Amino acid sequence: MQLGWKIYLVVLLGGALGSIARYALAGWIAGKSNTFPWGIFAVNALGCFLMGWFYGVTSPSGALPATPAVRAFLMIGLCGGFTTMSSFTLQTVLLAMENRPYSAVFNIGLSLVAGLILTWLGIMLSHWSKPS
């Protein structure tokens, strides 16, 4: 079955729900402690678990095989809206499971270093572009 533009609607709906869940859960947890960003940590950890679980349980050989649209809703939309960390970790684990450990480690290192540098650069440029 060709999904065409409908797949975008499925991902959009899942992403909206995931984003709302992230905002609510991270905010609720953050209100409990201000010593560490536990809210974001919890969202990332839970999102990673859910991504792995959805991947396994909805695969063709899983306990609940699902259509590509359902998998897109759950993994790209819901988990992706909840946390992109889950997408990153799934791709890294799959590289390792495909017996590509160097690619997995490279993905971790490159993503972490690039993410930190580009976040810093974005902050620096935001200060530079601020009107005097």
N, C-alpha and C. Protein backbone atom coordinates (compact mmCIF):
# COMPACT_ATOMS: atom_id res chain seq x y z
N MET A 1 0.84 -1.19 0.00
CA MET A 1 0.00 0.00 0.00
C MET A 1 0.88 1.25 0.00
N GLN A 2 0.63 2.13 -0.92
CA GLN A 2 1.36 3.38 -1.02
C GLN A 2 0.67 4.42 -0.13
N LEU A 3 1.43 4.97 0.83
CA LEU A 3 0.85 5.91 1.78
C LEU A 3 0.86 7.34 1.27
N GLY A 4 1.86 7.71 0.46
CA GLY A 4 1.92 9.06 -0.08
C GLY A 4 1.89 10.12 1.00
N TRP A 5 1.08 11.14 0.78
CA TRP A 5 1.00 12.27 1.71
C TRP A 5 0.39 11.90 3.05
N LYS A 6 -0.35 10.80 3.13
CA LYS A 6 -1.00 10.41 4.39
C LYS A 6 0.03 10.09 5.48
N ILE A 7 1.19 9.60 5.08
CA ILE A 7 2.22 9.28 6.06
C ILE A 7 2.64 10.54 6.81
N TYR A 8 2.63 11.69 6.13
CA TYR A 8 2.99 12.95 6.80
C TYR A 8 1.96 13.31 7.87
N LEU A 9 0.71 13.03 7.62
CA LEU A 9 -0.32 13.29 8.62
C LEU A 9 -0.17 12.39 9.84
N VAL A 10 0.18 11.14 9.59
CA VAL A 10 0.39 10.18 10.67
C VAL A 10 1.57 10.63 11.54
N VAL A 11 2.67 11.02 10.90
CA VAL A 11 3.85 11.49 11.63
C VAL A 11 3.54 12.80 12.36
N LEU A 12 2.80 13.68 11.71
CA LEU A 12 2.42 14.95 12.33
C LEU A 12 1.61 14.73 13.60
N LEU A 13 0.64 13.86 13.55
CA LEU A 13 -0.18 13.57 14.73
C LEU A 13 0.67 12.96 15.84
N GLY A 14 1.49 11.98 15.51
CA GLY A 14 2.36 11.38 16.52
C GLY A 14 3.33 12.38 17.10
N GLY A 15 3.90 13.22 16.25
CA GLY A 15 4.84 14.24 16.71
C GLY A 15 4.19 15.25 17.64
N ALA A 16 2.96 15.65 17.32
CA ALA A 16 2.25 16.59 18.19
C ALA A 16 2.00 15.96 19.56
N LEU A 17 1.56 14.73 19.57
CA LEU A 17 1.29 14.05 20.85
C LEU A 17 2.58 13.84 21.64
N GLY A 18 3.66 13.46 20.94
CA GLY A 18 4.94 13.27 21.61
C GLY A 18 5.48 14.56 22.19
N SER A 19 5.33 15.66 21.46
CA SER A 19 5.80 16.96 21.95
C SER A 19 5.02 17.41 23.17
N ILE A 20 3.74 17.22 23.16
CA ILE A 20 2.91 17.57 24.32
C ILE A 20 3.32 16.73 25.52
N ALA A 21 3.54 15.44 25.29
CA ALA A 21 3.95 14.55 26.39
C ALA A 21 5.30 14.97 26.94
N ARG A 22 6.24 15.35 26.05
CA ARG A 22 7.56 15.79 26.50
C ARG A 22 7.43 17.05 27.36
N TYR A 23 6.67 18.00 26.90
CA TYR A 23 6.49 19.26 27.63
C TYR A 23 5.89 19.00 29.01
N ALA A 24 4.87 18.16 29.06
CA ALA A 24 4.19 17.88 30.33
C ALA A 24 5.09 17.10 31.29
N LEU A 25 5.69 16.03 30.82
CA LEU A 25 6.50 15.19 31.70
C LEU A 25 7.77 15.90 32.16
N ALA A 26 8.48 16.53 31.24
CA ALA A 26 9.71 17.23 31.61
C ALA A 26 9.41 18.37 32.58
N GLY A 27 8.34 19.08 32.34
CA GLY A 27 7.96 20.18 33.22
C GLY A 27 7.56 19.70 34.60
N TRP A 28 6.82 18.61 34.65
CA TRP A 28 6.38 18.07 35.94
C TRP A 28 7.58 17.61 36.76
N ILE A 29 8.49 16.89 36.12
CA ILE A 29 9.67 16.39 36.83
C ILE A 29 10.59 17.55 37.21
N ALA A 30 10.77 18.51 36.31
CA ALA A 30 11.64 19.65 36.60
C ALA A 30 11.12 20.45 37.80
N GLY A 31 9.83 20.47 38.00
CA GLY A 31 9.25 21.18 39.13
C GLY A 31 9.56 20.52 40.46
N LYS A 32 10.01 19.29 40.42
CA LYS A 32 10.34 18.53 41.63
C LYS A 32 11.78 18.75 42.08
N SER A 33 12.67 19.15 41.16
CA SER A 33 14.09 19.29 41.50
C SER A 33 14.73 20.32 40.58
N ASN A 34 15.58 21.15 41.16
CA ASN A 34 16.29 22.11 40.32
C ASN A 34 17.80 21.91 40.40
N THR A 35 18.23 20.75 40.87
CA THR A 35 19.66 20.48 41.01
C THR A 35 20.28 19.86 39.77
N PHE A 36 19.47 19.31 38.89
CA PHE A 36 19.95 18.63 37.69
C PHE A 36 18.77 18.61 36.71
N PRO A 37 19.01 18.63 35.41
CA PRO A 37 17.90 18.60 34.45
C PRO A 37 17.24 17.21 34.36
N TRP A 38 16.66 16.78 35.48
CA TRP A 38 16.06 15.44 35.55
C TRP A 38 14.90 15.27 34.59
N GLY A 39 14.18 16.34 34.31
CA GLY A 39 13.04 16.24 33.40
C GLY A 39 13.46 15.80 32.01
N ILE A 40 14.47 16.47 31.47
CA ILE A 40 14.95 16.12 30.14
C ILE A 40 15.62 14.74 30.16
N PHE A 41 16.37 14.46 31.23
CA PHE A 41 16.97 13.13 31.35
C PHE A 41 15.90 12.04 31.32
N ALA A 42 14.84 12.23 32.09
CA ALA A 42 13.76 11.23 32.16
C ALA A 42 13.08 11.06 30.80
N VAL A 43 12.82 12.18 30.12
CA VAL A 43 12.20 12.11 28.80
C VAL A 43 13.11 11.35 27.82
N ASN A 44 14.40 11.69 27.82
CA ASN A 44 15.32 10.99 26.92
C ASN A 44 15.40 9.50 27.23
N ALA A 45 15.51 9.17 28.51
CA ALA A 45 15.61 7.76 28.90
C ALA A 45 14.34 7.01 28.52
N LEU A 46 13.19 7.56 28.86
CA LEU A 46 11.92 6.90 28.54
C LEU A 46 11.73 6.80 27.03
N GLY A 47 12.06 7.87 26.31
CA GLY A 47 11.93 7.85 24.86
C GLY A 47 12.80 6.79 24.22
N CYS A 48 14.01 6.61 24.73
CA CYS A 48 14.90 5.57 24.20
C CYS A 48 14.33 4.18 24.46
N PHE A 49 13.81 3.97 25.66
CA PHE A 49 13.19 2.68 25.96
C PHE A 49 12.00 2.43 25.03
N LEU A 50 11.13 3.42 24.90
CA LEU A 50 9.93 3.24 24.06
C LEU A 50 10.30 3.00 22.60
N MET A 51 11.32 3.71 22.10
CA MET A 51 11.74 3.52 20.71
C MET A 51 12.20 2.08 20.50
N GLY A 52 13.01 1.56 21.40
CA GLY A 52 13.46 0.18 21.27
C GLY A 52 12.31 -0.81 21.38
N TRP A 53 11.41 -0.55 22.31
CA TRP A 53 10.28 -1.46 22.51
C TRP A 53 9.35 -1.44 21.30
N PHE A 54 9.00 -0.23 20.83
CA PHE A 54 8.14 -0.13 19.64
C PHE A 54 8.80 -0.79 18.43
N TYR A 55 10.11 -0.57 18.28
CA TYR A 55 10.83 -1.17 17.15
C TYR A 55 10.70 -2.69 17.19
N GLY A 56 10.95 -3.27 18.35
CA GLY A 56 10.92 -4.72 18.46
C GLY A 56 9.52 -5.31 18.39
N VAL A 57 8.60 -4.73 19.12
CA VAL A 57 7.27 -5.33 19.23
C VAL A 57 6.45 -5.17 17.95
N THR A 58 6.73 -4.10 17.17
CA THR A 58 5.93 -3.88 15.96
C THR A 58 6.62 -4.38 14.69
N SER A 59 7.81 -4.97 14.83
CA SER A 59 8.51 -5.48 13.64
C SER A 59 7.73 -6.68 13.08
N PRO A 60 7.99 -7.04 11.84
CA PRO A 60 7.26 -8.17 11.25
C PRO A 60 7.34 -9.45 12.09
N SER A 61 8.43 -9.66 12.81
CA SER A 61 8.55 -10.86 13.65
C SER A 61 8.23 -10.58 15.11
N GLY A 62 7.75 -9.37 15.41
CA GLY A 62 7.46 -8.99 16.79
C GLY A 62 6.13 -9.53 17.29
N ALA A 63 5.86 -9.26 18.55
CA ALA A 63 4.63 -9.74 19.18
C ALA A 63 3.39 -9.07 18.59
N LEU A 64 3.54 -7.82 18.16
CA LEU A 64 2.41 -7.06 17.58
C LEU A 64 2.84 -6.43 16.25
N PRO A 65 3.02 -7.25 15.21
CA PRO A 65 3.45 -6.69 13.93
C PRO A 65 2.51 -5.56 13.49
N ALA A 66 3.10 -4.48 13.00
CA ALA A 66 2.30 -3.32 12.65
C ALA A 66 2.59 -2.88 11.22
N THR A 67 1.67 -2.13 10.68
CA THR A 67 1.82 -1.58 9.33
C THR A 67 2.90 -0.48 9.36
N PRO A 68 3.43 -0.14 8.21
CA PRO A 68 4.39 0.97 8.16
C PRO A 68 3.82 2.28 8.72
N ALA A 69 2.53 2.52 8.52
CA ALA A 69 1.92 3.75 9.04
C ALA A 69 1.89 3.76 10.57
N VAL A 70 1.57 2.64 11.17
CA VAL A 70 1.54 2.56 12.63
C VAL A 70 2.96 2.71 13.18
N ARG A 71 3.90 2.07 12.54
CA ARG A 71 5.30 2.19 12.99
C ARG A 71 5.78 3.63 12.84
N ALA A 72 5.41 4.29 11.76
CA ALA A 72 5.80 5.69 11.56
C ALA A 72 5.16 6.57 12.63
N PHE A 73 3.90 6.32 12.95
CA PHE A 73 3.22 7.08 14.00
C PHE A 73 3.95 6.92 15.33
N LEU A 74 4.25 5.67 15.70
CA LEU A 74 4.86 5.39 17.00
C LEU A 74 6.31 5.84 17.09
N MET A 75 7.11 5.47 16.09
CA MET A 75 8.55 5.69 16.21
C MET A 75 8.99 7.05 15.70
N ILE A 76 8.57 7.44 14.50
CA ILE A 76 9.00 8.73 13.96
C ILE A 76 8.20 9.85 14.61
N GLY A 77 6.90 9.67 14.68
CA GLY A 77 6.04 10.72 15.23
C GLY A 77 6.09 10.81 16.75
N LEU A 78 5.54 9.83 17.43
CA LEU A 78 5.42 9.88 18.88
C LEU A 78 6.79 9.95 19.57
N CYS A 79 7.65 8.99 19.29
CA CYS A 79 8.98 9.00 19.93
C CYS A 79 9.82 10.16 19.43
N GLY A 80 9.74 10.47 18.14
CA GLY A 80 10.51 11.58 17.60
C GLY A 80 10.07 12.92 18.17
N GLY A 81 8.77 13.09 18.37
CA GLY A 81 8.28 14.31 19.01
C GLY A 81 8.61 14.35 20.48
N PHE A 82 8.63 13.20 21.10
CA PHE A 82 8.94 13.10 22.53
C PHE A 82 10.41 13.40 22.77
N THR A 83 11.29 12.80 21.97
CA THR A 83 12.73 13.04 22.08
C THR A 83 13.44 12.52 20.85
N THR A 84 14.29 13.36 20.25
CA THR A 84 15.08 12.87 19.12
C THR A 84 16.22 11.99 19.60
N MET A 85 16.49 12.01 20.88
CA MET A 85 17.53 11.13 21.43
C MET A 85 17.19 9.67 21.12
N SER A 86 15.90 9.35 21.12
CA SER A 86 15.49 7.98 20.85
C SER A 86 15.83 7.57 19.43
N SER A 87 15.70 8.46 18.47
CA SER A 87 16.06 8.15 17.09
C SER A 87 17.57 7.94 16.97
N PHE A 88 18.32 8.81 17.61
CA PHE A 88 19.78 8.70 17.60
C PHE A 88 20.23 7.37 18.20
N THR A 89 19.68 7.01 19.35
CA THR A 89 20.13 5.78 20.00
C THR A 89 19.70 4.54 19.21
N LEU A 90 18.50 4.57 18.62
CA LEU A 90 18.08 3.43 17.80
C LEU A 90 19.03 3.23 16.64
N GLN A 91 19.36 4.30 15.92
CA GLN A 91 20.26 4.17 14.79
C GLN A 91 21.63 3.65 15.23
N THR A 92 22.11 4.11 16.38
CA THR A 92 23.41 3.67 16.88
C THR A 92 23.38 2.20 17.27
N VAL A 93 22.34 1.78 17.97
CA VAL A 93 22.21 0.36 18.35
C VAL A 93 22.08 -0.52 17.12
N LEU A 94 21.31 -0.08 16.13
CA LEU A 94 21.17 -0.88 14.91
C LEU A 94 22.50 -1.02 14.18
N LEU A 95 23.30 0.05 14.16
CA LEU A 95 24.64 -0.06 13.56
C LEU A 95 25.46 -1.13 14.28
N ALA A 96 25.40 -1.11 15.61
CA ALA A 96 26.15 -2.10 16.38
C ALA A 96 25.61 -3.51 16.13
N MET A 97 24.30 -3.65 16.06
CA MET A 97 23.70 -4.96 15.83
C MET A 97 24.00 -5.48 14.42
N GLU A 98 24.25 -4.57 13.48
CA GLU A 98 24.61 -4.95 12.12
C GLU A 98 26.11 -5.24 12.01
N ASN A 99 26.77 -5.38 13.16
CA ASN A 99 28.20 -5.66 13.22
C ASN A 99 29.01 -4.54 12.58
N ARG A 100 28.59 -3.31 12.87
CA ARG A 100 29.29 -2.12 12.39
C ARG A 100 29.68 -1.26 13.60
N PRO A 101 30.47 -1.81 14.52
CA PRO A 101 30.77 -1.09 15.77
C PRO A 101 31.50 0.22 15.55
N TYR A 102 32.37 0.30 14.55
CA TYR A 102 33.10 1.55 14.31
C TYR A 102 32.14 2.64 13.85
N SER A 103 31.17 2.27 13.04
CA SER A 103 30.16 3.25 12.61
C SER A 103 29.32 3.70 13.80
N ALA A 104 29.00 2.78 14.69
CA ALA A 104 28.22 3.13 15.88
C ALA A 104 28.98 4.11 16.76
N VAL A 105 30.24 3.81 17.02
CA VAL A 105 31.06 4.69 17.86
C VAL A 105 31.28 6.04 17.17
N PHE A 106 31.49 6.01 15.86
CA PHE A 106 31.66 7.26 15.11
C PHE A 106 30.40 8.10 15.20
N ASN A 107 29.23 7.46 15.09
CA ASN A 107 27.96 8.17 15.19
C ASN A 107 27.82 8.85 16.56
N ILE A 108 28.20 8.14 17.60
CA ILE A 108 28.13 8.70 18.96
C ILE A 108 29.07 9.89 19.08
N GLY A 109 30.31 9.69 18.72
CA GLY A 109 31.31 10.75 18.86
C GLY A 109 30.99 11.97 18.01
N LEU A 110 30.69 11.73 16.74
CA LEU A 110 30.39 12.84 15.83
C LEU A 110 29.15 13.59 16.29
N SER A 111 28.10 12.88 16.66
CA SER A 111 26.87 13.53 17.09
C SER A 111 27.08 14.35 18.36
N LEU A 112 27.80 13.79 19.31
CA LEU A 112 28.05 14.50 20.57
C LEU A 112 28.92 15.73 20.34
N VAL A 113 30.03 15.57 19.66
CA VAL A 113 30.95 16.70 19.44
C VAL A 113 30.27 17.77 18.58
N ALA A 114 29.66 17.36 17.47
CA ALA A 114 29.00 18.33 16.60
C ALA A 114 27.86 19.03 17.34
N GLY A 115 27.09 18.26 18.11
CA GLY A 115 25.99 18.86 18.86
C GLY A 115 26.45 19.89 19.86
N LEU A 116 27.50 19.57 20.61
CA LEU A 116 28.02 20.52 21.60
C LEU A 116 28.59 21.76 20.93
N ILE A 117 29.40 21.56 19.89
CA ILE A 117 30.01 22.70 19.21
C ILE A 117 28.95 23.58 18.55
N LEU A 118 28.01 22.97 17.87
CA LEU A 118 26.99 23.76 17.18
C LEU A 118 26.03 24.44 18.14
N THR A 119 25.75 23.82 19.28
CA THR A 119 24.94 24.50 20.30
C THR A 119 25.67 25.72 20.81
N TRP A 120 26.96 25.56 21.13
CA TRP A 120 27.78 26.69 21.59
C TRP A 120 27.82 27.78 20.52
N LEU A 121 28.05 27.38 19.26
CA LEU A 121 28.11 28.34 18.17
C LEU A 121 26.79 29.09 18.02
N GLY A 122 25.69 28.37 18.12
CA GLY A 122 24.38 29.02 18.03
C GLY A 122 24.18 30.05 19.13
N ILE A 123 24.61 29.72 20.35
CA ILE A 123 24.50 30.67 21.46
C ILE A 123 25.39 31.88 21.20
N MET A 124 26.62 31.64 20.76
CA MET A 124 27.53 32.75 20.48
C MET A 124 26.98 33.66 19.38
N LEU A 125 26.47 33.06 18.31
CA LEU A 125 25.91 33.88 17.23
C LEU A 125 24.66 34.63 17.66
N SER A 126 23.90 34.04 18.57
CA SER A 126 22.70 34.76 19.05
C SER A 126 23.09 36.00 19.82
N HIS A 127 24.19 35.96 20.55
CA HIS A 127 24.69 37.13 21.28
C HIS A 127 25.24 38.17 20.30
N TRP A 128 25.94 37.70 19.28
CA TRP A 128 26.56 38.58 18.32
C TRP A 128 25.50 39.31 17.49
N SER A 129 24.40 38.63 17.19
CA SER A 129 23.37 39.22 16.34
C SER A 129 22.36 40.06 17.13
N LYS A 130 22.53 40.15 18.44
CA LYS A 130 21.61 40.93 19.26
C LYS A 130 21.84 42.41 19.02
N PRO A 131 20.77 43.18 18.80
CA PRO A 131 20.95 44.61 18.55
C PRO A 131 21.57 45.31 19.78
N SER A 132 22.39 46.30 19.50
CA SER A 132 23.08 47.02 20.59
C SER A 132 22.13 47.91 21.34
